[in-house]
Structure formats: C-alpha cells, structure tokens
Protein backbone atom coordinates (compact mmCIF):
# COMPACT_ATOMS: atom_id res chain seq x y z
CA UNK A 1 -27.63 14.54 -13.80
CA UNK A 2 -23.88 14.52 -14.39
CA UNK A 3 -22.45 15.82 -17.63
CA UNK A 4 -20.25 13.14 -19.22
CA UNK A 5 -17.34 13.86 -21.52
CA UNK A 6 -14.85 11.71 -23.42
CA UNK A 7 -11.57 12.51 -25.12
CA UNK A 8 -8.76 10.60 -26.84
CA UNK A 9 -5.51 10.25 -24.98
CA UNK A 10 -2.47 8.10 -25.83
CA UNK A 11 -4.39 5.27 -27.44
CA UNK A 12 -7.28 5.36 -24.96
CA UNK A 13 -10.67 7.00 -24.72
CA UNK A 14 -10.91 8.67 -21.32
CA UNK A 15 -14.31 9.43 -19.82
CA UNK A 16 -15.30 11.60 -16.89
CA UNK A 17 -18.35 12.98 -15.10
CA UNK A 18 -18.70 16.65 -14.21
CA UNK A 19 -21.14 18.27 -11.79
CA UNK A 20 -21.83 21.61 -10.19
CA UNK A 21 -19.97 24.88 -10.03
CA UNK A 22 -17.60 26.54 -7.62
CA UNK A 23 -14.07 25.70 -6.55
CA UNK A 24 -12.82 22.65 -8.48
CA UNK A 25 -12.36 19.27 -6.84
CA UNK A 26 -11.28 16.03 -8.50
CA UNK A 27 -12.20 12.56 -7.20
CA UNK A 28 -10.21 9.40 -8.08
CA UNK A 29 -11.89 6.00 -7.60
CA UNK A 30 -10.45 2.67 -6.46
CA UNK A 31 -9.89 -0.80 -7.91
CA UNK A 32 -13.04 -2.17 -9.52
CA UNK A 33 -14.94 1.05 -8.97
CA UNK A 34 -15.58 4.11 -11.05
CA UNK A 35 -16.45 7.74 -10.45
CA UNK A 36 -20.14 6.96 -10.03
CA UNK A 37 -20.03 3.79 -7.93
CA UNK A 38 -17.46 5.06 -5.44
CA UNK A 39 -18.53 8.69 -5.13
CA UNK A 40 -22.26 9.09 -5.83
CA UNK A 41 -22.98 9.03 -2.09
CA UNK A 42 -20.41 11.77 -1.47
CA UNK A 43 -21.88 14.23 -3.94
CA UNK A 44 -24.36 15.89 -1.51
CA UNK A 45 -21.36 16.94 0.61
CA UNK A 46 -19.76 18.66 -2.40
CA UNK A 47 -22.85 20.54 -3.55
CA UNK A 48 -21.00 23.87 -3.62
CA UNK A 49 -18.10 22.56 -5.70
CA UNK A 50 -17.34 21.90 -9.34
CA UNK A 51 -16.70 18.16 -9.20
CA UNK A 52 -14.76 16.10 -11.73
CA UNK A 53 -14.86 12.29 -11.54
CA UNK A 54 -12.58 10.70 -14.15
CA UNK A 55 -12.54 6.95 -14.79
CA UNK A 56 -9.05 5.59 -15.32
CA UNK A 57 -8.05 2.54 -17.41
CA UNK A 58 -10.18 -0.53 -16.72
CA UNK A 59 -13.22 1.28 -15.35
CA UNK A 60 -16.48 2.92 -16.26
CA UNK A 61 -16.51 5.39 -19.12
CA UNK A 62 -12.88 4.81 -20.10
CA UNK A 63 -11.68 2.39 -22.76
CA UNK A 64 -7.98 1.56 -22.66
CA UNK A 65 -6.66 -1.71 -24.12
CA UNK A 66 -3.26 -1.38 -22.41
CA UNK A 67 -2.46 -4.79 -20.96
CA UNK A 68 -0.08 -3.83 -18.14
CA UNK A 69 -1.15 -0.71 -16.29
CA UNK A 70 1.20 1.62 -14.46
CA UNK A 71 0.54 4.22 -11.81
CA UNK A 72 2.06 6.87 -14.06
CA UNK A 73 -0.38 5.99 -16.86
CA UNK A 74 -3.34 6.43 -14.50
CA UNK A 75 -1.92 9.73 -13.23
CA UNK A 76 -1.56 10.93 -16.82
CA UNK A 77 -5.17 9.98 -17.60
CA UNK A 78 -6.47 11.79 -14.54
CA UNK A 79 -4.48 14.97 -15.15
CA UNK A 80 -5.51 14.74 -18.80
CA UNK A 81 -9.15 14.79 -17.70
CA UNK A 82 -8.44 17.83 -15.51
CA UNK A 83 -6.86 19.60 -18.49
CA UNK A 84 -9.73 18.65 -20.80
CA UNK A 85 -12.26 20.04 -18.31
CA UNK A 86 -10.26 23.25 -17.94
CA UNK A 87 -9.23 22.70 -14.33
CA UNK A 88 -6.23 24.77 -13.29
CA UNK A 89 -5.67 24.24 -9.59
CA UNK A 90 -7.97 21.92 -7.65
CA UNK A 91 -8.52 19.96 -4.48
CA UNK A 92 -7.96 16.22 -4.87
CA UNK A 93 -9.56 13.14 -3.27
CA UNK A 94 -8.29 9.60 -3.86
CA UNK A 95 -9.79 6.34 -2.62
CA UNK A 96 -7.87 3.04 -2.25
CA UNK A 97 -5.82 2.57 -5.45
CA UNK A 98 -7.03 6.07 -6.28
CA UNK A 99 -5.22 7.29 -3.16
CA UNK A 100 -1.94 6.05 -4.64
CA UNK A 101 -2.79 7.77 -7.93
CA UNK A 102 -3.61 10.96 -6.02
CA UNK A 103 -0.40 10.80 -3.99
CA UNK A 104 1.78 10.56 -7.08
CA UNK A 105 -0.25 13.21 -8.89
CA UNK A 106 0.15 15.59 -5.94
CA UNK A 107 3.89 14.91 -5.86
CA UNK A 108 4.33 15.50 -9.59
CA UNK A 109 1.99 18.50 -9.94
CA UNK A 110 2.72 20.51 -6.80
CA UNK A 111 1.44 23.74 -8.29
CA UNK A 112 -1.99 22.33 -9.13
CA UNK A 113 -3.13 20.44 -6.02
CA UNK A 114 -4.27 22.68 -3.16
CA UNK A 115 -5.77 20.23 -0.65
CA UNK A 116 -5.45 16.47 -0.68
CA UNK A 117 -7.63 13.75 0.88
CA UNK A 118 -6.54 10.10 0.87
CA UNK A 119 -9.19 7.52 1.87
CA UNK A 120 -8.39 3.89 2.65
CA UNK A 121 -5.07 4.23 0.88
CA UNK A 122 -1.78 2.36 0.99
CA UNK A 123 1.85 3.12 0.22
CA UNK A 124 2.70 -0.26 -1.25
CA UNK A 125 1.03 -3.56 -2.07
CA UNK A 126 4.22 -5.49 -1.41
CA UNK A 127 3.34 -6.99 1.98
CA UNK A 128 2.43 -10.71 1.96
CA UNK A 129 -1.27 -10.28 2.74
CA UNK A 130 -1.77 -7.64 0.06
CA UNK A 131 0.07 -9.81 -2.45
CA UNK A 132 -2.17 -12.77 -1.60
CA UNK A 133 -5.32 -10.67 -1.88
CA UNK A 134 -4.51 -8.87 -5.12
CA UNK A 135 -3.25 -12.04 -6.82
CA UNK A 136 -6.51 -13.72 -5.80
CA UNK A 137 -8.55 -10.81 -7.13
CA UNK A 138 -6.74 -10.87 -10.47
CA UNK A 139 -7.18 -14.64 -10.77
CA UNK A 140 -10.88 -14.59 -9.91
CA UNK A 141 -11.57 -11.59 -12.15
CA UNK A 142 -10.40 -13.70 -15.09
CA UNK A 143 -11.81 -17.07 -14.04
CA UNK A 144 -14.78 -16.63 -11.67
CA UNK A 145 -16.27 -13.10 -11.53
CA UNK A 146 -19.22 -14.33 -9.46
CA UNK A 147 -16.86 -15.51 -6.71
CA UNK A 148 -14.93 -12.23 -6.77
CA UNK A 149 -18.14 -10.19 -6.56
CA UNK A 150 -19.14 -12.14 -3.46
CA UNK A 151 -15.68 -11.81 -1.92
CA UNK A 152 -15.62 -8.05 -2.47
CA UNK A 153 -19.02 -7.66 -0.84
CA UNK A 154 -18.01 -9.81 2.13
CA UNK A 155 -14.72 -8.03 2.77
CA UNK A 156 -15.67 -4.54 1.58
CA UNK A 157 -18.79 -3.90 3.64
CA UNK A 158 -19.76 -4.46 7.26
CA UNK A 159 -21.84 -7.38 8.52
CA UNK A 160 -24.69 -5.06 9.58
CA UNK A 161 -24.79 -3.32 6.20
CA UNK A 162 -24.95 -6.58 4.25
CA UNK A 163 -27.54 -7.98 6.65
CA UNK A 164 -29.78 -5.05 5.81
CA UNK A 165 -29.77 -5.81 2.09
CA UNK A 166 -32.64 -8.13 1.25
CA UNK A 167 -31.62 -8.84 -2.34
CA UNK A 168 -27.94 -9.77 -2.21
CA UNK A 169 -28.20 -12.29 -5.02
CA UNK A 170 -29.54 -9.55 -7.29
CA UNK A 171 -26.65 -7.29 -6.21
CA UNK A 172 -24.17 -10.04 -7.11
CA UNK A 173 -25.85 -10.60 -10.47
CA UNK A 174 -25.74 -6.89 -11.24
CA UNK A 175 -22.04 -6.73 -10.30
CA UNK A 176 -21.20 -9.70 -12.51
CA UNK A 177 -23.14 -8.31 -15.47
CA UNK A 178 -22.07 -4.69 -15.10
CA UNK A 179 -18.38 -4.83 -14.18
CA UNK A 180 -15.32 -4.69 -16.42
CA UNK A 181 -13.64 -7.86 -15.14
CA UNK A 182 -10.65 -7.66 -17.44
CA UNK A 183 -10.14 -4.10 -16.21
CA UNK A 184 -10.42 -5.23 -12.59
CA UNK A 185 -7.81 -7.93 -13.24
CA UNK A 186 -5.40 -5.37 -14.71
CA UNK A 187 -6.03 -2.94 -11.85
CA UNK A 188 -5.49 -5.71 -9.28
CA UNK A 189 -2.17 -6.56 -10.92
CA UNK A 190 -1.22 -2.90 -10.63
CA UNK A 191 -2.13 -3.02 -6.91
CA UNK A 192 0.57 -5.69 -6.57
CA UNK A 193 3.20 -3.27 -7.89
CA UNK A 194 2.08 -0.01 -6.25
CA UNK A 195 4.82 1.84 -4.38
CA UNK A 196 4.47 5.56 -3.62
CA UNK A 197 7.05 5.61 -0.84
CA UNK A 198 9.26 7.84 -2.95
CA UNK A 199 6.44 10.31 -3.56
CA UNK A 200 5.41 11.07 0.01
CA UNK A 201 8.16 13.55 0.78
CA UNK A 202 7.36 15.59 -2.32
CA UNK A 203 3.69 16.19 -1.43
CA UNK A 204 3.13 19.78 -0.32
CA UNK A 205 -0.66 20.01 -0.39
CA UNK A 206 -2.46 20.25 2.92
CA UNK A 207 -3.38 16.60 3.46
CA UNK A 208 -6.07 14.66 5.32
CA UNK A 209 -5.69 10.89 5.52
CA UNK A 210 -8.91 9.00 6.33
CA UNK A 211 -8.46 5.47 7.62
CA UNK A 212 -11.19 2.86 7.95
CA UNK A 213 -10.93 1.33 11.41
CA UNK A 214 -12.46 -2.05 10.44
CA UNK A 215 -10.95 -2.37 6.98
CA UNK A 216 -10.57 -5.97 5.76
CA UNK A 217 -9.15 -5.07 2.34
CA UNK A 218 -6.40 -2.62 3.28
CA UNK A 219 -4.59 -2.76 6.61
CA UNK A 220 -5.71 0.28 8.66
CA UNK A 221 -2.06 0.72 9.62
CA UNK A 222 -1.44 1.72 6.01
CA UNK A 223 -3.33 4.96 6.66
CA UNK A 224 -1.10 5.68 9.64
CA UNK A 225 1.95 5.12 7.45
CA UNK A 226 0.58 7.48 4.79
CA UNK A 227 -0.10 10.21 7.33
CA UNK A 228 3.33 9.78 8.91
CA UNK A 229 5.02 10.00 5.53
CA UNK A 230 3.44 13.27 4.35
CA UNK A 231 4.62 16.38 6.15
CA UNK A 232 1.84 18.02 8.16
CA UNK A 233 -0.78 15.41 7.23
CA UNK A 234 -3.72 14.91 9.60
CA UNK A 235 -5.06 11.41 10.26
CA UNK A 236 -8.77 10.82 10.94
CA UNK A 237 -10.72 7.60 11.36
CA UNK A 238 -14.06 6.29 10.19
CA UNK A 239 -15.49 3.48 12.30
CA UNK A 240 -16.26 1.36 9.29
CA UNK A 241 -15.03 -1.03 6.58
CA UNK A 242 -12.99 -0.36 3.45
CA UNK A 243 -16.09 0.67 1.52
CA UNK A 244 -17.29 3.05 4.26
CA UNK A 245 -17.21 5.73 1.56
CA UNK A 246 -20.16 3.90 0.01
CA UNK A 247 -21.70 2.43 3.18
CA UNK A 248 -21.69 5.58 5.35
CA UNK A 249 -20.81 8.46 3.02
CA UNK A 250 -21.95 11.00 5.60
CA UNK A 251 -19.06 10.09 7.93
CA UNK A 252 -16.52 10.53 5.15
CA UNK A 253 -18.28 13.57 3.71
CA UNK A 254 -18.25 15.43 7.01
CA UNK A 255 -14.51 14.85 7.42
CA UNK A 256 -13.82 16.03 3.89
CA UNK A 257 -15.96 19.14 4.35
CA UNK A 258 -14.05 20.03 7.50
CA UNK A 259 -10.70 19.65 5.77
CA UNK A 260 -11.67 21.63 2.69
CA UNK A 261 -13.05 24.48 4.79
CA UNK A 262 -9.70 25.16 6.46
C-alpha cells in the first residue's frame, strides 16, 4: 500500500504516492493519467527503489484551480514533491506529457537528475495532427467525457488488448465517473503549447528514450527526434501502442531496469 502525502504549494494542494526504499526514482504521468493509473503496473520492476509518484495539476491527488497550465508550473510541482519527500538526487521517468515535464526538469536541475527515461514523449505539440487531436480532447473533455473515454481507449490500447476485455462498457463508465475532466481539458490545452526543443541540449543525465512502435496518439517519430536531440541518448522500442506502459508493463519495465543498472 502506497503512502500518500499532500502539501500546499503556490495556491495548490499537491499530492504524491511513495513506496519502497533504496535509490530514489521519480515517475511523472501523462495527460489524463495519474501516478497510480499510469505506473501501478511498473511498480514490480522498481521493487528495490524508493519510488515517488507525484500528481501534477489536473490529476489524481492534486488540487490546483489554475486555469491555464504551463510546463514550468508542472515542473515546479514535481520538484516541490521531490523536495517535500526529501529527495536529493534521483532517477527520473516521464511518460507522454510527463516526458516533456521530465525533459525540462532535467534541463533545469542538472545536479539532481542522474538517469532519465522518456516514454512515448514528444518535443512539441505544434504539428497539425497533434493540434487536431489535443483540441479535440480538450473539447470533448468539456462537452462529452463519455466520447473522449471511448476515443482514448480506442487509440491508446491495441486491438488485441481491448478485445480481451469483456466489460468495456463498465471500463468506460468507471473512466467517466472517476476522471477529472476539467483537469484533462487543461492538460490537453497545455499539450497544444508544449515545446521543449530549447531544453534538449541542456540535458546531461544519461537518457533512455522508449518509443511505442504502434502509437496512435503520439507519432513514433517523436521518440526518434527526442533521442536525436539529447546528447548520448539511447533509443529503444516497444512493439505496442501509446499506453504500452499500462498494457504490457513488463516490456517497458525490463528496458527501464536495464538502463538504471548501467
């Protein structure tokens, strides 16, 4: 059972989950997710680590009324959680939007991030397809959460995985009832503005970029661009969809274990 903590920070209440003992590692979730939903499946692969899973604005344990989110605000909330938990230096994992947060954090706090893992990440959301997708997400989050839940399932997971779930309508109902849709809308609007191109050259942590070969949410080429932009970064592939971290956590977990062991 994770220990949960909350603290006040710049007009928000920031929450995080903490597990285990050992060398510290911090995990940053993606749009619409939180530290539990995105990373519960990864936890068995980090059994020998002290794991911190903060929720940033719009998700999970955190309450932040800020209307327009910025990447710097999310970075500040994440590093605030690390400080509150007493983390000095740590390894860092970011997924999707969390990969952009992790990239900027690693660029701004060189002395604190030892190893970096970016999963299903992107440098910018400025390309036409990303703009179309994130605008659609923000619109549906505010007007038709049921439709967005279905869209995220259809594009986030593989056909085989969804075919193996015998209670999809119940999954949709649970997503609609349990998600922070206003938060998802604000995060989606941030996705539209993300640009970490100026941060890549500053990252000094030993970096692994994990791309999802059959990603329908983020262009797999975005992982190649991330790896090419960070000096010395290694690119590895998972033969899965954007939410492979949740669908096949063992594939992602094994890659992360290999990187952290070096």
